[in-house]
């Protein structure tokens, strides 16, 4: 019986920054499908709309997607921004060079979107500045102390705000994704990592504690279907 009382510290296959090849490609394709059909993409877009309403700007908005995977979220944001006539500069960051190579090929029709292989804990990353920082199914890969230290720096890097879209650790979420991936996934990585991701994910009180330990008091934390936490952190100075 899995332990849902605390975040798991077991390592996912995806955490190996050297993993690559078709198993990674299949995993990224399936993650795109899961995010689309379980409503995960809409969680990020609605958060972005809320954030830009709270922290408006007239110029080009630089948006970075951390742990960008295959780049599908950036494609969706590009389409959304075009419909809204919002000028954007879009950047995808991932620490795995094989994933970045896949994203570049996957979005080769959108050459204006930039991708970088970069460690988010590096000094190089800490020196970067953005308007909006996104993280979708990304932050559960790190422990609480790492996240608190990271968000403490990130609040000064993001001029408009930070958006978190991650998993609610819950038995129903665990057994549902385990059943779905067992029945329908063709990726051994997805079958292993997806249920483990739920066990590594968050309860509401844990996210609040991580952010408060980072010195972040102003945030909106909401539950969204399917078992997602949406956090909007405005960092603009009003």
Protein backbone atom coordinates (compact mmCIF):
# COMPACT_ATOMS: atom_id res chain seq x y z
CA UNK A 1 0.00 0.00 0.00
CA UNK A 2 1.54 3.34 -1.03
CA UNK A 3 2.16 5.95 1.63
CA UNK A 4 0.17 9.10 0.90
CA UNK A 5 1.00 10.84 4.17
CA UNK A 6 4.32 12.30 2.97
CA UNK A 7 6.04 13.07 -0.32
CA UNK A 8 7.97 10.14 -1.79
CA UNK A 9 11.72 10.55 -2.27
CA UNK A 10 11.97 7.74 -4.84
CA UNK A 11 13.64 8.82 -8.08
CA UNK A 12 11.77 8.84 -11.40
CA UNK A 13 13.39 7.54 -14.58
CA UNK A 14 12.88 11.00 -16.09
CA UNK A 15 15.23 12.43 -13.45
CA UNK A 16 18.19 10.78 -15.19
CA UNK A 17 19.48 13.64 -17.31
CA UNK A 18 21.31 11.20 -19.59
CA UNK A 19 18.18 9.29 -20.62
CA UNK A 20 17.24 9.71 -24.25
CA UNK A 21 16.12 7.85 -27.34
CA UNK A 22 12.72 6.55 -28.38
CA UNK A 23 11.55 5.74 -24.84
CA UNK A 24 11.89 9.44 -23.95
CA UNK A 25 10.25 10.52 -27.20
CA UNK A 26 7.30 8.19 -26.60
CA UNK A 27 7.03 9.44 -23.03
CA UNK A 28 6.93 13.09 -24.13
CA UNK A 29 4.27 12.34 -26.74
CA UNK A 30 2.13 10.54 -24.16
CA UNK A 31 2.55 13.34 -21.62
CA UNK A 32 1.27 15.79 -24.22
CA UNK A 33 -1.79 13.58 -24.70
CA UNK A 34 -2.41 13.23 -20.96
CA UNK A 35 -2.13 16.99 -20.36
CA UNK A 36 -4.52 17.73 -23.21
CA UNK A 37 -7.24 15.26 -22.33
CA UNK A 38 -7.15 15.63 -18.54
CA UNK A 39 -7.35 19.42 -18.77
CA UNK A 40 -3.86 20.19 -17.49
CA UNK A 41 -3.05 22.66 -20.25
CA UNK A 42 -6.11 24.78 -19.47
CA UNK A 43 -4.94 25.08 -15.85
CA UNK A 44 -1.81 26.91 -16.99
CA UNK A 45 -3.55 29.12 -19.56
CA UNK A 46 -6.21 30.33 -17.13
CA UNK A 47 -3.49 31.05 -14.58
CA UNK A 48 -1.57 33.06 -17.17
CA UNK A 49 -4.67 35.09 -18.00
CA UNK A 50 -5.26 35.81 -14.31
CA UNK A 51 -1.65 36.80 -13.71
CA UNK A 52 -1.49 39.20 -16.66
CA UNK A 53 -4.75 40.79 -15.50
CA UNK A 54 -3.19 41.41 -12.09
CA UNK A 55 0.19 42.49 -13.49
CA UNK A 56 -0.48 44.06 -16.91
CA UNK A 57 2.23 45.25 -19.28
CA UNK A 58 2.19 47.03 -22.63
CA UNK A 59 5.39 45.58 -24.06
CA UNK A 60 6.55 42.15 -25.15
CA UNK A 61 6.10 39.55 -22.41
CA UNK A 62 8.94 37.10 -21.88
CA UNK A 63 7.56 33.75 -20.73
CA UNK A 64 9.78 30.83 -19.76
CA UNK A 65 8.56 27.25 -19.34
CA UNK A 66 10.73 25.29 -16.90
CA UNK A 67 10.98 21.56 -17.52
CA UNK A 68 9.47 22.29 -20.93
CA UNK A 69 9.44 18.68 -22.12
CA UNK A 70 8.41 18.42 -25.75
CA UNK A 71 7.44 22.10 -25.88
CA UNK A 72 3.70 21.61 -26.30
CA UNK A 73 2.81 24.15 -23.61
CA UNK A 74 4.84 26.77 -25.44
CA UNK A 75 2.99 25.94 -28.65
CA UNK A 76 -0.33 26.40 -26.84
CA UNK A 77 0.80 29.73 -25.34
CA UNK A 78 2.02 30.89 -28.76
CA UNK A 79 -1.43 30.15 -30.23
CA UNK A 80 -3.19 31.80 -27.27
CA UNK A 81 -1.02 34.94 -27.51
CA UNK A 82 -1.60 35.22 -31.26
CA UNK A 83 -5.39 35.11 -30.75
CA UNK A 84 -5.15 37.77 -28.04
CA UNK A 85 -2.69 39.89 -30.06
CA UNK A 86 -0.26 39.78 -27.13
CA UNK A 87 3.42 40.11 -28.12
CA UNK A 88 5.43 37.35 -26.43
CA UNK A 89 8.93 35.98 -26.32
CA UNK A 90 8.79 32.29 -25.44
CA UNK A 91 11.62 30.22 -23.94
CA UNK A 92 11.79 26.56 -22.99
CA UNK A 93 14.32 25.27 -20.46
CA UNK A 94 15.16 21.70 -19.52
CA UNK A 95 18.28 20.17 -17.98
CA UNK A 96 18.19 17.13 -20.29
CA UNK A 97 19.80 17.90 -23.69
CA UNK A 98 17.94 14.99 -25.32
CA UNK A 99 14.61 16.49 -24.29
CA UNK A 100 15.62 19.92 -25.60
CA UNK A 101 16.63 18.35 -28.93
CA UNK A 102 13.20 16.69 -29.14
CA UNK A 103 11.43 19.97 -28.32
CA UNK A 104 13.38 21.86 -30.98
CA UNK A 105 12.40 19.29 -33.58
CA UNK A 106 8.83 19.10 -32.31
CA UNK A 107 8.40 22.88 -32.64
CA UNK A 108 10.57 23.44 -35.69
CA UNK A 109 7.65 25.25 -37.33
CA UNK A 110 7.89 27.87 -34.57
CA UNK A 111 11.53 28.85 -34.88
CA UNK A 112 10.99 32.01 -32.85
CA UNK A 113 10.61 29.90 -29.69
CA UNK A 114 14.00 29.45 -28.02
CA UNK A 115 15.17 26.38 -26.11
CA UNK A 116 18.07 26.05 -23.69
CA UNK A 117 19.65 23.16 -21.82
CA UNK A 118 20.09 24.61 -18.37
CA UNK A 119 20.18 23.58 -14.71
CA UNK A 120 17.70 25.75 -12.79
CA UNK A 121 19.99 25.67 -9.73
CA UNK A 122 22.99 27.01 -11.68
CA UNK A 123 24.37 30.54 -11.34
CA UNK A 124 23.76 30.98 -15.06
CA UNK A 125 20.04 30.49 -14.56
CA UNK A 126 19.93 32.69 -11.45
CA UNK A 127 21.26 35.59 -13.51
CA UNK A 128 18.39 35.40 -16.01
CA UNK A 129 15.28 37.59 -15.85
CA UNK A 130 11.80 36.93 -17.23
CA UNK A 131 8.30 38.37 -17.00
CA UNK A 132 6.50 35.11 -16.28
CA UNK A 133 7.89 31.76 -15.15
CA UNK A 134 5.82 28.62 -15.72
CA UNK A 135 6.29 25.13 -14.34
CA UNK A 136 3.87 22.36 -15.36
CA UNK A 137 4.31 18.96 -13.68
CA UNK A 138 7.83 20.07 -12.89
CA UNK A 139 8.27 21.03 -9.27
CA UNK A 140 7.37 17.65 -7.77
CA UNK A 141 10.77 16.43 -9.01
CA UNK A 142 12.46 18.40 -6.20
CA UNK A 143 12.36 18.20 -2.42
CA UNK A 144 10.84 20.86 -0.16
CA UNK A 145 14.14 22.51 0.81
CA UNK A 146 15.29 22.73 -2.80
CA UNK A 147 11.98 24.31 -3.79
CA UNK A 148 11.94 26.88 -1.00
CA UNK A 149 15.48 28.00 -1.89
CA UNK A 150 14.60 28.06 -5.58
CA UNK A 151 11.41 30.11 -5.18
CA UNK A 152 13.22 32.56 -2.92
CA UNK A 153 15.49 33.41 -5.86
CA UNK A 154 12.81 33.04 -8.51
CA UNK A 155 10.55 35.74 -7.06
CA UNK A 156 13.28 38.26 -7.90
CA UNK A 157 13.83 36.82 -11.39
CA UNK A 158 10.18 37.02 -12.46
CA UNK A 159 9.02 40.60 -13.04
CA UNK A 160 5.33 39.73 -13.43
CA UNK A 161 4.83 36.43 -11.72
CA UNK A 162 5.22 32.71 -11.26
CA UNK A 163 2.74 29.96 -12.17
CA UNK A 164 2.75 26.47 -10.70
CA UNK A 165 0.66 23.68 -12.22
CA UNK A 166 1.37 20.44 -10.38
CA UNK A 167 -0.20 17.30 -8.98
CA UNK A 168 -2.36 16.78 -5.92
CA UNK A 169 -1.11 13.70 -4.05
CA UNK A 170 -4.28 11.66 -3.54
CA UNK A 171 -5.15 7.92 -3.66
CA UNK A 172 -7.70 8.41 -6.43
CA UNK A 173 -5.17 10.27 -8.56
CA UNK A 174 -2.60 7.52 -7.96
CA UNK A 175 -4.81 4.53 -8.77
CA UNK A 176 -6.46 6.28 -11.72
CA UNK A 177 -3.20 7.13 -13.46
CA UNK A 178 -1.76 3.72 -12.62
CA UNK A 179 -4.75 2.02 -14.27
CA UNK A 180 -4.75 4.35 -17.29
CA UNK A 181 -1.06 3.97 -17.99
CA UNK A 182 -1.10 0.21 -17.45
CA UNK A 183 -3.95 -0.15 -19.94
CA UNK A 184 -3.03 2.41 -22.58
CA UNK A 185 0.61 3.50 -22.35
CA UNK A 186 3.27 2.09 -24.65
CA UNK A 187 6.06 3.75 -22.65
CA UNK A 188 7.73 1.84 -19.84
CA UNK A 189 8.88 5.20 -18.48
CA UNK A 190 5.33 6.55 -18.28
CA UNK A 191 4.08 3.37 -16.60
CA UNK A 192 6.76 3.72 -13.92
CA UNK A 193 6.99 7.50 -13.55
CA UNK A 194 3.33 8.55 -13.72
CA UNK A 195 2.14 6.82 -10.52
CA UNK A 196 5.39 7.76 -8.78
CA UNK A 197 4.83 11.40 -9.77
CA UNK A 198 1.61 11.35 -7.75
CA UNK A 199 3.47 9.98 -4.72
CA UNK A 200 6.10 12.71 -5.08
CA UNK A 201 3.46 15.41 -5.46
CA UNK A 202 1.84 17.76 -2.96
CA UNK A 203 -0.87 18.25 -0.42
CA UNK A 204 -2.18 21.82 -0.18
CA UNK A 205 -0.49 22.52 3.13
CA UNK A 206 2.88 21.40 1.73
CA UNK A 207 2.80 23.86 -1.17
CA UNK A 208 1.80 26.68 1.17
CA UNK A 209 4.64 25.81 3.56
CA UNK A 210 7.22 25.67 0.73
CA UNK A 211 6.21 29.11 -0.51
CA UNK A 212 6.07 30.69 2.93
CA UNK A 213 9.53 29.29 3.70
CA UNK A 214 10.66 31.07 0.54
CA UNK A 215 9.29 34.32 1.92
CA UNK A 216 6.32 34.32 -0.48
CA UNK A 217 3.10 35.40 1.22
CA UNK A 218 1.07 36.66 -1.73
CA UNK A 219 -0.20 33.69 -3.75
CA UNK A 220 -3.46 32.10 -4.87
CA UNK A 221 -3.58 28.33 -4.46
CA UNK A 222 -6.54 26.48 -5.99
CA UNK A 223 -7.49 22.87 -6.71
CA UNK A 224 -8.30 22.12 -10.34
CA UNK A 225 -9.43 19.03 -12.21
CA UNK A 226 -7.87 16.51 -12.68
CA UNK A 227 -6.06 16.54 -9.32
CA UNK A 228 -3.98 19.62 -10.03
CA UNK A 229 -2.87 22.50 -7.85
CA UNK A 230 -2.81 25.84 -9.61
CA UNK A 231 -0.72 28.51 -7.93
CA UNK A 232 -0.51 32.09 -9.17
CA UNK A 233 2.21 34.20 -7.56
CA UNK A 234 2.21 37.87 -8.65
CA UNK A 235 5.63 39.49 -8.30
CA UNK A 236 4.93 42.86 -9.93
CA UNK A 237 5.45 45.93 -7.82
CA UNK A 238 2.17 47.83 -7.81
